[in-house]
Amino acid sequence: MNFLFRLLLLAISLSSLNLAHSQIAIDAYSKEIKALQTEEAIDAYWKHLENLDQKVLLNSGNIRQHDSISLSLLTRTALLFEIHGPKSYKPNNTVPLLNIAHNWNGEALLAFWPIILECKKTGGVINVFGGTYPAYELEAISLAFYRYSLSNQENKYDALMKQIKVKEDKPISKKLVEIYNKDLKLYQLREKEVNGKWFIQSFKDSKEAETFEFVTMSNGLLYVKTGERIQKLNLIDTRGKSKLFRIENEPFGWVYELTNDGYLSLKDEQGTALINYTKV
């Protein structure tokens, strides 16, 4: 790898560290990726994205910075596929899988899903990464939206895979930039009222120390809040002494059922309770 290319990669790394306070530089990324004219240069860029994931993203100082860098990495992976095609991805490449493993934005993971499907066509490491495909990939989506683990629930995989709808109305990279800009606006909202607080339970029989809340934000809308991350909730039904809420753009058809006395359950598309949460 020549000296000028090393300087380019260093510049990309430094720009990533400032993403929490800026926009995703998609035009600059496109220009950089179009300039990769050889297989060696493309392979080096993939390696660089892997290094950014392991050495920059995983050492980011706060949640906002982490999420911004993560969305930037997803965008660059998408651009590699869009500009150089699936042939730029090799069977031993773990970058797209690291992308989804370290991203907590469910909408971004759904936008990125066609990349995962392309990786599956190529085969290789995706078939065994984190378990037999699609265990790892579905786990990422379930945890991002609901902090619910699908571990050892292989009987659900086929039905859940059919629920994920791929929209090809615009380039994936553009969708990811729109999601990033949406995130920036969410960070500007202020919390007005807490409407309930419960312990996270990724598994049915284990209560975690971390909690989540239903909160009304300064725009008057209801969100589920986990740490500093929020996701919009839509009221979809009222049943006697309870209300059903669905996270906006959630793919599986799962809902939260909240009773008038503050008890909360996560229910699947068949109405079966997956988790009965413990109130804080």
C-alpha atoms as a PDB file:
ATOM      1  CA  MET A   1       0.000   0.000   0.000  1.00  0.00           C
ATOM      2  CA  ASN A   2       1.572   3.336  -1.032  1.00  0.00           C
ATOM      3  CA  PHE A   3       2.187   6.306   1.233  1.00  0.00           C
ATOM      4  CA  LEU A   4      -0.562   8.499  -0.242  1.00  0.00           C
ATOM      5  CA  PHE A   5      -3.163   5.784   0.260  1.00  0.00           C
ATOM      6  CA  ARG A   6      -2.086   5.404   3.886  1.00  0.00           C
ATOM      7  CA  LEU A   7      -2.589   9.149   4.352  1.00  0.00           C
ATOM      8  CA  LEU A   8      -6.067   8.835   2.821  1.00  0.00           C
ATOM      9  CA  LEU A   9      -7.050   6.093   5.243  1.00  0.00           C
ATOM     10  CA  LEU A  10      -5.725   8.093   8.181  1.00  0.00           C
ATOM     11  CA  ALA A  11      -7.804  11.081   7.122  1.00  0.00           C
ATOM     12  CA  ILE A  12     -10.932   8.914   6.969  1.00  0.00           C
ATOM     13  CA  SER A  13     -10.246   7.623  10.480  1.00  0.00           C
ATOM     14  CA  LEU A  14      -9.870  11.103  11.910  1.00  0.00           C
ATOM     15  CA  SER A  15     -13.044  12.336  10.212  1.00  0.00           C
ATOM     16  CA  SER A  16     -14.987   9.432  11.750  1.00  0.00           C
ATOM     17  CA  LEU A  17     -14.150  10.614  15.239  1.00  0.00           C
ATOM     18  CA  ASN A  18     -16.011  13.879  14.631  1.00  0.00           C
ATOM     19  CA  LEU A  19     -19.209  12.385  13.183  1.00  0.00           C
ATOM     20  CA  ALA A  20     -21.269  12.969  16.311  1.00  0.00           C
ATOM     21  CA  HIS A  21     -21.303  16.683  15.525  1.00  0.00           C
ATOM     22  CA  SER A  22     -21.499  16.673  11.697  1.00  0.00           C
ATOM     23  CA  GLN A  23     -23.071  15.047   8.665  1.00  0.00           C
ATOM     24  CA  ILE A  24     -22.071  11.816   6.961  1.00  0.00           C
ATOM     25  CA  ALA A  25     -19.777  12.928   4.134  1.00  0.00           C
ATOM     26  CA  ILE A  26     -21.372  10.652   1.550  1.00  0.00           C
ATOM     27  CA  ASP A  27     -20.016  12.598  -1.439  1.00  0.00           C
ATOM     28  CA  ALA A  28     -16.484  12.366  -0.087  1.00  0.00           C
ATOM     29  CA  TYR A  29     -16.890   8.664   0.671  1.00  0.00           C
ATOM     30  CA  SER A  30     -18.245   8.053  -2.836  1.00  0.00           C
ATOM     31  CA  LYS A  31     -15.263   9.818  -4.353  1.00  0.00           C
ATOM     32  CA  GLU A  32     -12.825   7.797  -2.239  1.00  0.00           C
ATOM     33  CA  ILE A  33     -14.476   4.498  -3.097  1.00  0.00           C
ATOM     34  CA  LYS A  34     -14.707   5.295  -6.824  1.00  0.00           C
ATOM     35  CA  ALA A  35     -10.951   5.942  -6.725  1.00  0.00           C
ATOM     36  CA  LEU A  36     -10.310   2.315  -5.707  1.00  0.00           C
ATOM     37  CA  GLN A  37      -9.385   0.990  -9.122  1.00  0.00           C
ATOM     38  CA  THR A  38      -7.679  -2.293  -8.261  1.00  0.00           C
ATOM     39  CA  GLU A  39      -8.653  -5.400  -6.330  1.00  0.00           C
ATOM     40  CA  GLU A  40      -5.751  -4.716  -3.957  1.00  0.00           C
ATOM     41  CA  ALA A  41      -7.016  -1.192  -3.232  1.00  0.00           C
ATOM     42  CA  ILE A  42     -10.556  -2.456  -2.593  1.00  0.00           C
ATOM     43  CA  ASP A  43      -9.275  -5.185  -0.268  1.00  0.00           C
ATOM     44  CA  ALA A  44      -7.212  -2.594   1.606  1.00  0.00           C
ATOM     45  CA  TYR A  45     -10.275  -0.388   2.020  1.00  0.00           C
ATOM     46  CA  TRP A  46     -12.273  -3.304   3.420  1.00  0.00           C
ATOM     47  CA  LYS A  47      -9.434  -3.929   5.879  1.00  0.00           C
ATOM     48  CA  HIS A  48      -9.483  -0.291   6.837  1.00  0.00           C
ATOM     49  CA  LEU A  49     -13.209  -0.420   7.596  1.00  0.00           C
ATOM     50  CA  GLU A  50     -12.544  -3.454   9.782  1.00  0.00           C
ATOM     51  CA  ASN A  51      -9.851  -1.513  11.661  1.00  0.00           C
ATOM     52  CA  LEU A  52     -12.211   1.430  12.136  1.00  0.00           C
ATOM     53  CA  ASP A  53     -14.782  -0.932  13.639  1.00  0.00           C
ATOM     54  CA  GLN A  54     -12.316  -2.608  16.003  1.00  0.00           C
ATOM     55  CA  LYS A  55     -10.083   0.316  16.946  1.00  0.00           C
ATOM     56  CA  VAL A  56     -12.283   3.402  16.586  1.00  0.00           C
ATOM     57  CA  LEU A  57     -15.936   2.385  16.931  1.00  0.00           C
ATOM     58  CA  LEU A  58     -15.455   0.004  19.856  1.00  0.00           C
ATOM     59  CA  ASN A  59     -13.403   2.639  21.676  1.00  0.00           C
ATOM     60  CA  SER A  60     -15.761   5.547  21.013  1.00  0.00           C
ATOM     61  CA  GLY A  61     -16.324   7.744  24.026  1.00  0.00           C
ATOM     62  CA  ASN A  62     -20.124   7.935  24.180  1.00  0.00           C
ATOM     63  CA  ILE A  63     -23.316   6.478  22.728  1.00  0.00           C
ATOM     64  CA  ARG A  64     -23.940   9.347  20.326  1.00  0.00           C
ATOM     65  CA  GLN A  65     -20.447   9.115  18.877  1.00  0.00           C
ATOM     66  CA  HIS A  66     -20.707   5.320  18.673  1.00  0.00           C
ATOM     67  CA  ASP A  67     -24.004   5.437  16.783  1.00  0.00           C
ATOM     68  CA  SER A  68     -22.758   8.086  14.366  1.00  0.00           C
ATOM     69  CA  ILE A  69     -19.568   6.217  13.526  1.00  0.00           C
ATOM     70  CA  SER A  70     -21.525   2.974  13.171  1.00  0.00           C
ATOM     71  CA  LEU A  71     -23.932   4.523  10.650  1.00  0.00           C
ATOM     72  CA  SER A  72     -20.956   5.948   8.774  1.00  0.00           C
ATOM     73  CA  LEU A  73     -19.423   2.483   8.505  1.00  0.00           C
ATOM     74  CA  LEU A  74     -22.690   0.977   7.259  1.00  0.00           C
ATOM     75  CA  THR A  75     -22.880   3.736   4.653  1.00  0.00           C
ATOM     76  CA  ARG A  76     -19.347   3.069   3.389  1.00  0.00           C
ATOM     77  CA  THR A  77     -20.019  -0.653   3.158  1.00  0.00           C
ATOM     78  CA  ALA A  78     -23.177   0.079   1.152  1.00  0.00           C
ATOM     79  CA  LEU A  79     -21.207   2.363  -1.166  1.00  0.00           C
ATOM     80  CA  LEU A  80     -18.657  -0.369  -1.809  1.00  0.00           C
ATOM     81  CA  PHE A  81     -21.465  -2.644  -2.980  1.00  0.00           C
ATOM     82  CA  GLU A  82     -23.177   0.102  -4.984  1.00  0.00           C
ATOM     83  CA  ILE A  83     -20.027   1.338  -6.732  1.00  0.00           C
ATOM     84  CA  HIS A  84     -17.967  -1.817  -7.174  1.00  0.00           C
ATOM     85  CA  GLY A  85     -20.733  -4.412  -6.979  1.00  0.00           C
ATOM     86  CA  PRO A  86     -21.023  -7.646  -4.957  1.00  0.00           C
ATOM     87  CA  LYS A  87     -17.797  -8.856  -6.571  1.00  0.00           C
ATOM     88  CA  SER A  88     -15.933  -6.494  -4.221  1.00  0.00           C
ATOM     89  CA  TYR A  89     -17.041  -8.711  -1.310  1.00  0.00           C
ATOM     90  CA  LYS A  90     -15.135 -11.943  -0.678  1.00  0.00           C
ATOM     91  CA  PRO A  91     -16.330 -14.990   1.321  1.00  0.00           C
ATOM     92  CA  ASN A  92     -13.910 -14.346   4.221  1.00  0.00           C
ATOM     93  CA  ASN A  93     -14.958 -10.693   4.665  1.00  0.00           C
ATOM     94  CA  THR A  94     -16.521 -10.068   8.093  1.00  0.00           C
ATOM     95  CA  VAL A  95     -17.036  -6.294   7.760  1.00  0.00           C
ATOM     96  CA  PRO A  96     -20.790  -6.326   6.918  1.00  0.00           C
ATOM     97  CA  LEU A  97     -21.363  -8.700   9.840  1.00  0.00           C
ATOM     98  CA  LEU A  98     -19.392  -6.463  12.196  1.00  0.00           C
ATOM     99  CA  ASN A  99     -21.443  -3.554  10.846  1.00  0.00           C
ATOM    100  CA  ILE A 100     -24.703  -5.091  12.030  1.00  0.00           C
ATOM    101  CA  ALA A 101     -23.222  -6.506  15.231  1.00  0.00           C
ATOM    102  CA  HIS A 102     -22.198  -3.061  16.468  1.00  0.00           C
ATOM    103  CA  ASN A 103     -25.196  -1.041  15.295  1.00  0.00           C
ATOM    104  CA  TRP A 104     -28.203  -0.458  17.550  1.00  0.00           C
ATOM    105  CA  ASN A 105     -30.445   1.375  15.085  1.00  0.00           C
ATOM    106  CA  GLY A 106     -33.114  -1.045  13.950  1.00  0.00           C
ATOM    107  CA  GLU A 107     -34.166   1.039  10.949  1.00  0.00           C
ATOM    108  CA  ALA A 108     -30.555   1.150   9.765  1.00  0.00           C
ATOM    109  CA  LEU A 109     -30.287  -2.628  10.015  1.00  0.00           C
ATOM    110  CA  LEU A 110     -33.422  -3.042   7.899  1.00  0.00           C
ATOM    111  CA  ALA A 111     -32.100  -0.603   5.297  1.00  0.00           C
ATOM    112  CA  PHE A 112     -28.824  -2.571   5.279  1.00  0.00           C
ATOM    113  CA  TRP A 113     -30.579  -5.943   4.940  1.00  0.00           C
ATOM    114  CA  PRO A 114     -30.112  -6.230   1.134  1.00  0.00           C
ATOM    115  CA  ILE A 115     -26.339  -6.139   1.763  1.00  0.00           C
ATOM    116  CA  ILE A 116     -26.698  -9.113   4.094  1.00  0.00           C
ATOM    117  CA  LEU A 117     -28.673 -10.973   1.422  1.00  0.00           C
ATOM    118  CA  GLU A 118     -25.906 -10.270  -1.104  1.00  0.00           C
ATOM    119  CA  CYS A 119     -23.306 -11.579   1.348  1.00  0.00           C
ATOM    120  CA  LYS A 120     -25.374 -14.736   1.765  1.00  0.00           C
ATOM    121  CA  LYS A 121     -25.301 -15.267  -2.019  1.00  0.00           C
ATOM    122  CA  THR A 122     -21.495 -15.144  -1.882  1.00  0.00           C
ATOM    123  CA  GLY A 123     -21.419 -17.511   1.093  1.00  0.00           C
ATOM    124  CA  GLY A 124     -18.394 -18.170   3.235  1.00  0.00           C
ATOM    125  CA  VAL A 125     -18.053 -16.741   6.715  1.00  0.00           C
ATOM    126  CA  ILE A 126     -21.655 -15.483   6.877  1.00  0.00           C
ATOM    127  CA  ASN A 127     -22.864 -19.084   7.082  1.00  0.00           C
ATOM    128  CA  VAL A 128     -21.120 -19.668  10.422  1.00  0.00           C
ATOM    129  CA  PHE A 129     -20.498 -16.200  11.898  1.00  0.00           C
ATOM    130  CA  GLY A 130     -22.060 -16.119  15.377  1.00  0.00           C
ATOM    131  CA  GLY A 131     -23.950 -19.335  14.653  1.00  0.00           C
ATOM    132  CA  THR A 132     -25.664 -20.853  11.651  1.00  0.00           C
ATOM    133  CA  TYR A 133     -27.206 -18.256   9.319  1.00  0.00           C
ATOM    134  CA  PRO A 134     -29.544 -16.401   9.944  1.00  0.00           C
ATOM    135  CA  ALA A 135     -29.170 -16.644  13.735  1.00  0.00           C
ATOM    136  CA  TYR A 136     -26.677 -13.803  14.100  1.00  0.00           C
ATOM    137  CA  GLU A 137     -28.465 -11.509  11.653  1.00  0.00           C
ATOM    138  CA  LEU A 138     -31.920 -11.922  13.209  1.00  0.00           C
ATOM    139  CA  GLU A 139     -30.444 -11.518  16.681  1.00  0.00           C
ATOM    140  CA  ALA A 140     -29.045  -8.123  15.687  1.00  0.00           C
ATOM    141  CA  ILE A 141     -32.456  -6.890  14.541  1.00  0.00           C
ATOM    142  CA  SER A 142     -34.332  -8.282  17.552  1.00  0.00           C
ATOM    143  CA  LEU A 143     -31.883  -6.770  20.019  1.00  0.00           C
ATOM    144  CA  ALA A 144     -31.832  -3.416  18.240  1.00  0.00           C
ATOM    145  CA  PHE A 145     -35.608  -3.016  18.279  1.00  0.00           C
ATOM    146  CA  TYR A 146     -36.620  -4.831  21.466  1.00  0.00           C
ATOM    147  CA  ARG A 147     -33.494  -5.879  23.392  1.00  0.00           C
ATOM    148  CA  TYR A 148     -34.937  -9.368  23.046  1.00  0.00           C
ATOM    149  CA  SER A 149     -32.687 -12.336  22.305  1.00  0.00           C
ATOM    150  CA  LEU A 150     -33.608 -15.036  19.807  1.00  0.00           C
ATOM    151  CA  SER A 151     -30.855 -17.324  21.065  1.00  0.00           C
ATOM    152  CA  ASN A 152     -31.820 -21.011  20.789  1.00  0.00           C
ATOM    153  CA  GLN A 153     -35.130 -20.168  19.100  1.00  0.00           C
ATOM    154  CA  GLU A 154     -34.359 -21.567  15.663  1.00  0.00           C
ATOM    155  CA  ASN A 155     -38.011 -22.551  15.223  1.00  0.00           C
ATOM    156  CA  LYS A 156     -38.851 -18.844  14.807  1.00  0.00           C
ATOM    157  CA  TYR A 157     -36.280 -18.060  12.108  1.00  0.00           C
ATOM    158  CA  ASP A 158     -38.207 -18.968   8.963  1.00  0.00           C
ATOM    159  CA  ALA A 159     -41.277 -16.970   9.942  1.00  0.00           C
ATOM    160  CA  LEU A 160     -39.215 -13.947  11.005  1.00  0.00           C
ATOM    161  CA  MET A 161     -37.173 -13.970   7.807  1.00  0.00           C
ATOM    162  CA  LYS A 162     -40.417 -13.805   5.809  1.00  0.00           C
ATOM    163  CA  GLN A 163     -41.490 -10.754   7.816  1.00  0.00           C
ATOM    164  CA  ILE A 164     -38.487  -8.678   6.739  1.00  0.00           C
ATOM    165  CA  LYS A 165     -39.503  -6.710   3.678  1.00  0.00           C
ATOM    166  CA  VAL A 166     -36.792  -5.295   1.424  1.00  0.00           C
ATOM    167  CA  LYS A 167     -37.616  -1.975  -0.252  1.00  0.00           C
ATOM    168  CA  GLU A 168     -35.487  -1.030  -3.240  1.00  0.00           C
ATOM    169  CA  ASP A 169     -36.929   2.443  -3.818  1.00  0.00           C
ATOM    170  CA  LYS A 170     -33.591   4.235  -3.382  1.00  0.00           C
ATOM    171  CA  PRO A 171     -29.896   3.425  -2.834  1.00  0.00           C
ATOM    172  CA  ILE A 172     -29.094   1.894   0.544  1.00  0.00           C
ATOM    173  CA  SER A 173     -26.412   4.507   1.201  1.00  0.00           C
ATOM    174  CA  LYS A 174     -28.977   7.286   0.754  1.00  0.00           C
ATOM    175  CA  LYS A 175     -31.402   5.570   3.143  1.00  0.00           C
ATOM    176  CA  LEU A 176     -28.663   5.299   5.767  1.00  0.00           C
ATOM    177  CA  VAL A 177     -27.827   8.999   5.476  1.00  0.00           C
ATOM    178  CA  GLU A 178     -31.523   9.836   5.937  1.00  0.00           C
ATOM    179  CA  ILE A 179     -31.625   7.630   9.043  1.00  0.00           C
ATOM    180  CA  TYR A 180     -28.499   9.357  10.356  1.00  0.00           C
ATOM    181  CA  ASN A 181     -30.096  12.780   9.864  1.00  0.00           C
ATOM    182  CA  LYS A 182     -33.259  11.533  11.596  1.00  0.00           C
ATOM    183  CA  ASP A 183     -31.103  10.449  14.550  1.00  0.00           C
ATOM    184  CA  LEU A 184     -29.598  13.933  14.787  1.00  0.00           C
ATOM    185  CA  LYS A 185     -33.101  15.389  15.127  1.00  0.00           C
ATOM    186  CA  LEU A 186     -34.046  12.833  17.806  1.00  0.00           C
ATOM    187  CA  TYR A 187     -31.052  13.898  19.887  1.00  0.00           C
ATOM    188  CA  GLN A 188     -32.459  17.430  19.944  1.00  0.00           C
ATOM    189  CA  LEU A 189     -35.645  16.321  21.725  1.00  0.00           C
ATOM    190  CA  ARG A 190     -36.035  16.785  25.463  1.00  0.00           C
ATOM    191  CA  GLU A 191     -37.732  14.367  27.833  1.00  0.00           C
ATOM    192  CA  LYS A 192     -40.991  15.714  29.281  1.00  0.00           C
ATOM    193  CA  GLU A 193     -42.583  12.808  31.158  1.00  0.00           C
ATOM    194  CA  VAL A 194     -41.834   9.202  32.098  1.00  0.00           C
ATOM    195  CA  ASN A 195     -44.886   6.983  31.566  1.00  0.00           C
ATOM    196  CA  GLY A 196     -43.449   3.761  32.939  1.00  0.00           C
ATOM    197  CA  LYS A 197     -40.134   2.081  33.711  1.00  0.00           C
ATOM    198  CA  TRP A 198     -39.178  -1.609  33.564  1.00  0.00           C
ATOM    199  CA  PHE A 199     -36.146  -3.874  33.728  1.00  0.00           C
ATOM    200  CA  ILE A 200     -34.766  -5.117  30.428  1.00  0.00           C
ATOM    201  CA  GLN A 201     -35.222  -8.878  29.972  1.00  0.00           C
ATOM    202  CA  SER A 202     -33.452 -10.151  26.885  1.00  0.00           C
ATOM    203  CA  PHE A 203     -34.300 -13.672  28.056  1.00  0.00           C
ATOM    204  CA  LYS A 204     -37.612 -14.756  29.534  1.00  0.00           C
ATOM    205  CA  ASP A 205     -36.288 -15.840  32.921  1.00  0.00           C
ATOM    206  CA  SER A 206     -33.506 -13.320  33.552  1.00  0.00           C
ATOM    207  CA  LYS A 207     -33.924  -9.744  34.722  1.00  0.00           C
ATOM    208  CA  GLU A 208     -31.070  -7.377  33.854  1.00  0.00           C
ATOM    209  CA  ALA A 209     -29.812  -4.386  35.830  1.00  0.00           C
ATOM    210  CA  GLU A 210     -30.424  -2.047  32.891  1.00  0.00           C
ATOM    211  CA  THR A 211     -33.880  -0.504  32.486  1.00  0.00           C
ATOM    212  CA  PHE A 212     -36.006   1.045  29.751  1.00  0.00           C
ATOM    213  CA  GLU A 213     -38.858   3.547  29.816  1.00  0.00           C
ATOM    214  CA  PHE A 214     -41.862   4.825  27.927  1.00  0.00           C
ATOM    215  CA  VAL A 215     -41.357   8.583  27.714  1.00  0.00           C
ATOM    216  CA  THR A 216     -43.164  11.560  26.261  1.00  0.00           C
ATOM    217  CA  MET A 217     -40.680  13.819  24.507  1.00  0.00           C
ATOM    218  CA  SER A 218     -40.778  17.551  23.839  1.00  0.00           C
ATOM    219  CA  ASN A 219     -42.563  17.024  20.497  1.00  0.00           C
ATOM    220  CA  GLY A 220     -45.487  15.492  22.396  1.00  0.00           C
ATOM    221  CA  LEU A 221     -44.920  11.980  21.012  1.00  0.00           C
ATOM    222  CA  LEU A 222     -44.348   8.729  22.898  1.00  0.00           C
ATOM    223  CA  TYR A 223     -41.053   6.835  22.658  1.00  0.00           C
ATOM    224  CA  VAL A 224     -39.421   3.801  24.207  1.00  0.00           C
ATOM    225  CA  LYS A 225     -36.141   4.927  25.725  1.00  0.00           C
ATOM    226  CA  THR A 226     -33.202   2.628  26.461  1.00  0.00           C
ATOM    227  CA  GLY A 227     -30.209   4.518  27.805  1.00  0.00           C
ATOM    228  CA  GLU A 228     -29.853   7.514  25.486  1.00  0.00           C
ATOM    229  CA  ARG A 229     -31.544   5.870  22.519  1.00  0.00           C
ATOM    230  CA  ILE A 230     -35.225   6.433  21.735  1.00  0.00           C
ATOM    231  CA  GLN A 231     -37.633   4.781  19.274  1.00  0.00           C
ATOM    232  CA  LYS A 232     -41.053   6.128  18.390  1.00  0.00           C
ATOM    233  CA  LEU A 233     -44.081   4.186  19.668  1.00  0.00           C
ATOM    234  CA  ASN A 234     -47.398   4.073  17.827  1.00  0.00           C
ATOM    235  CA  LEU A 235     -50.661   3.238  19.590  1.00  0.00           C
ATOM    236  CA  ILE A 236     -52.305   0.556  17.452  1.00  0.00           C
ATOM    237  CA  ASP A 237     -55.192  -0.689  19.624  1.00  0.00           C
ATOM    238  CA  THR A 238     -57.007  -0.269  22.940  1.00  0.00           C
ATOM    239  CA  ARG A 239     -58.375  -3.408  24.573  1.00  0.00           C
ATOM    240  CA  GLY A 240     -60.365  -2.950  27.753  1.00  0.00           C
ATOM    241  CA  LYS A 241     -57.795  -2.195  30.430  1.00  0.00           C
ATOM    242  CA  SER A 242     -54.741  -2.271  28.192  1.00  0.00           C
ATOM    243  CA  LYS A 243     -53.193  -0.571  25.167  1.00  0.00           C
ATOM    244  CA  LEU A 244     -51.062  -2.015  22.386  1.00  0.00           C
ATOM    245  CA  PHE A 245     -48.050  -0.114  21.129  1.00  0.00           C
ATOM    246  CA  ARG A 246     -45.753  -0.943  18.230  1.00  0.00           C
ATOM    247  CA  ILE A 247     -42.278   0.481  17.624  1.00  0.00           C
ATOM    248  CA  GLU A 248     -42.355   2.458  14.396  1.00  0.00           C
ATOM    249  CA  ASN A 249     -41.013   0.472  11.412  1.00  0.00           C
ATOM    250  CA  GLU A 250     -40.504  -2.681  13.505  1.00  0.00           C
ATOM    251  CA  PRO A 251     -40.478  -5.640  11.082  1.00  0.00           C
ATOM    252  CA  PHE A 252     -41.772  -8.634  13.026  1.00  0.00           C
ATOM    253  CA  GLY A 253     -45.279  -7.519  13.979  1.00  0.00           C
ATOM    254  CA  TRP A 254     -44.455  -7.587  17.689  1.00  0.00           C
ATOM    255  CA  VAL A 255     -46.194  -5.235  20.126  1.00  0.00           C
ATOM    256  CA  TYR A 256     -45.996  -3.983  23.677  1.00  0.00           C
ATOM    257  CA  GLU A 257     -49.153  -4.474  25.746  1.00  0.00           C
ATOM    258  CA  LEU A 258     -49.394  -1.970  28.595  1.00  0.00           C
ATOM    259  CA  THR A 259     -52.107  -2.394  31.227  1.00  0.00           C
ATOM    260  CA  ASN A 260     -53.723   0.517  33.032  1.00  0.00           C
ATOM    261  CA  ASP A 261     -51.870  -0.449  36.221  1.00  0.00           C
ATOM    262  CA  GLY A 262     -48.469  -0.286  34.519  1.00  0.00           C
ATOM    263  CA  TYR A 263     -47.676  -3.916  33.698  1.00  0.00           C
ATOM    264  CA  LEU A 264     -45.950  -4.436  30.370  1.00  0.00           C
ATOM    265  CA  SER A 265     -45.577  -7.449  28.080  1.00  0.00           C
ATOM    266  CA  LEU A 266     -43.869  -7.993  24.742  1.00  0.00           C
ATOM    267  CA  LYS A 267     -46.085 -10.091  22.461  1.00  0.00           C
ATOM    268  CA  ASP A 268     -45.299 -11.717  19.130  1.00  0.00           C
ATOM    269  CA  GLU A 269     -47.360 -11.535  15.936  1.00  0.00           C
ATOM    270  CA  GLN A 270     -49.593 -14.356  17.230  1.00  0.00           C
ATOM    271  CA  GLY A 271     -50.314 -12.564  20.510  1.00  0.00           C
ATOM    272  CA  THR A 272     -48.103 -14.903  22.559  1.00  0.00           C
ATOM    273  CA  ALA A 273     -46.250 -13.229  25.428  1.00  0.00           C
ATOM    274  CA  LEU A 274     -42.506 -13.318  24.857  1.00  0.00           C
ATOM    275  CA  ILE A 275     -41.616 -11.341  27.985  1.00  0.00           C
ATOM    276  CA  ASN A 276     -43.572 -10.132  31.007  1.00  0.00           C
ATOM    277  CA  TYR A 277     -41.473  -7.248  32.254  1.00  0.00           C
ATOM    278  CA  THR A 278     -40.816  -6.398  35.906  1.00  0.00           C
ATOM    279  CA  LYS A 279     -41.697  -2.858  36.927  1.00  0.00           C
ATOM    280  CA  VAL A 280     -39.007  -0.675  38.498  1.00  0.00           C
END
